[in-house]
Every structure is written in C-alpha cells, then in structure tokens.
C-alpha cells in the first residue's frame, strides 16, 4: 500500500515538528461521513488498500499543513482556536 514518493514513518517523542509538511490519514473505507469531513477540510485521497488482519479496507488521505507551520514558541501558535495569550484578561 506504500507510495514510494512518500517518506512515511511514525512520529516519535523528541522528533521536531518543524519539518512536517503533511499528515497522512488512514480511515476505514466504510467511514464515509468521516472521509467527507476530512475532504471538506482539504484532505485528498491518495490510496486504498487492505491491511493484514483488518476486516475493512483502508482509505489513505493526505492533509497538507500550513506553510510554514507556527513553531511552538511562536505566539500565534497559542492564539488559534480562540485561545487567549497567557496573562490576557
């Protein structure tokens, strides 16, 4: 099921997030509503496949990340989703 144009490996504690450009989403094919929601959010279908030992086929989608993604030290990183900066009233 792997696409040789992608370098895919699991995130591990201590990895830097600065180099991430996209997330791969693996969703069960029958989860139509979830896949439609992900598509509305900008995810694109990349592949389908069957994992050994799993009953449902998988749909792999790619979700591009913001370019550039704010670093965890960037104040804008903490202001998303309505979060107020620390110390504000």
Protein backbone atom coordinates (compact mmCIF):
# COMPACT_ATOMS: atom_id res chain seq x y z
CA UNK A 1 0.00 0.00 0.00
CA UNK A 2 3.00 2.32 0.31
CA UNK A 3 3.61 5.02 -2.29
CA UNK A 4 7.37 5.26 -2.99
CA UNK A 5 7.12 9.04 -3.45
CA UNK A 6 6.31 9.49 0.26
CA UNK A 7 8.71 9.15 3.15
CA UNK A 8 6.49 7.89 5.92
CA UNK A 9 7.46 6.96 9.43
CA UNK A 10 5.69 7.24 12.77
CA UNK A 11 6.27 10.32 14.87
CA UNK A 12 8.36 9.59 17.94
CA UNK A 13 8.79 11.58 21.17
CA UNK A 14 11.61 14.07 20.68
CA UNK A 15 11.02 14.46 16.92
CA UNK A 16 10.88 18.03 15.65
CA UNK A 17 7.57 19.04 14.11
CA UNK A 18 9.17 21.86 12.09
CA UNK A 19 9.84 19.71 9.02
CA UNK A 20 6.30 18.31 8.73
CA UNK A 21 4.50 19.36 5.56
CA UNK A 22 1.52 16.99 5.66
CA UNK A 23 -0.29 14.37 7.68
CA UNK A 24 -1.42 11.05 6.28
CA UNK A 25 -4.82 9.91 7.48
CA UNK A 26 -5.78 6.23 7.41
CA UNK A 27 -9.54 5.78 7.69
CA UNK A 28 -11.77 2.73 7.28
CA UNK A 29 -13.50 2.79 3.89
CA UNK A 30 -17.00 2.42 5.42
CA UNK A 31 -16.49 5.67 7.43
CA UNK A 32 -17.99 7.77 4.62
CA UNK A 33 -19.04 10.72 6.80
CA UNK A 34 -15.57 10.98 8.34
CA UNK A 35 -13.87 10.82 4.93
CA UNK A 36 -16.24 13.50 3.57
CA UNK A 37 -15.48 15.75 6.55
CA UNK A 38 -11.75 15.29 6.01
CA UNK A 39 -12.18 16.11 2.29
CA UNK A 40 -14.05 19.33 3.15
CA UNK A 41 -11.13 20.23 5.43
CA UNK A 42 -8.71 19.89 2.49
CA UNK A 43 -7.61 16.26 2.66
CA UNK A 44 -7.10 14.48 -0.64
CA UNK A 45 -7.48 10.77 -1.42
CA UNK A 46 -4.11 9.11 -2.06
CA UNK A 47 -4.64 5.34 -1.94
CA UNK A 48 -6.84 2.44 -0.90
CA UNK A 49 -5.67 -0.85 0.48
CA UNK A 50 -6.28 -3.76 2.76
CA UNK A 51 -4.19 -4.15 5.91
CA UNK A 52 -3.48 -7.72 7.00
CA UNK A 53 -5.78 -8.76 9.84
CA UNK A 54 -8.28 -5.93 9.31
CA UNK A 55 -11.86 -6.50 8.16
CA UNK A 56 -12.38 -3.12 6.45
CA UNK A 57 -10.39 -1.68 3.57
CA UNK A 58 -8.46 1.50 4.34
CA UNK A 59 -8.55 4.83 2.55
CA UNK A 60 -5.38 6.90 2.90
CA UNK A 61 -5.74 10.67 2.62
CA UNK A 62 -3.17 13.45 2.83
CA UNK A 63 -3.79 16.69 4.75
CA UNK A 64 -1.32 19.48 3.89
CA UNK A 65 -0.18 21.57 6.84
CA UNK A 66 0.07 25.35 6.90
CA UNK A 67 3.21 26.69 5.26
CA UNK A 68 5.09 27.47 7.37
CA UNK A 69 3.51 25.95 10.46
CA UNK A 70 3.95 28.17 13.53
CA UNK A 71 6.61 26.91 15.93
CA UNK A 72 5.55 26.08 19.48
CA UNK A 73 7.49 29.17 20.61
CA UNK A 74 5.55 31.42 18.18
CA UNK A 75 2.78 33.38 19.99
CA UNK A 76 0.47 32.78 17.01
CA UNK A 77 0.66 29.06 17.77
CA UNK A 78 -1.13 29.65 21.08
CA UNK A 79 -3.79 32.03 19.74
CA UNK A 80 -5.50 29.54 17.46
CA UNK A 81 -8.96 28.17 18.23
CA UNK A 82 -9.86 31.17 20.38
CA UNK A 83 -7.13 30.71 22.96
CA UNK A 84 -6.14 33.98 24.57
CA UNK A 85 -2.46 34.72 25.13
CA UNK A 86 -1.22 34.00 28.65
CA UNK A 87 -1.81 36.89 31.05
CA UNK A 88 -4.60 38.49 28.99
CA UNK A 89 -7.94 39.29 30.52
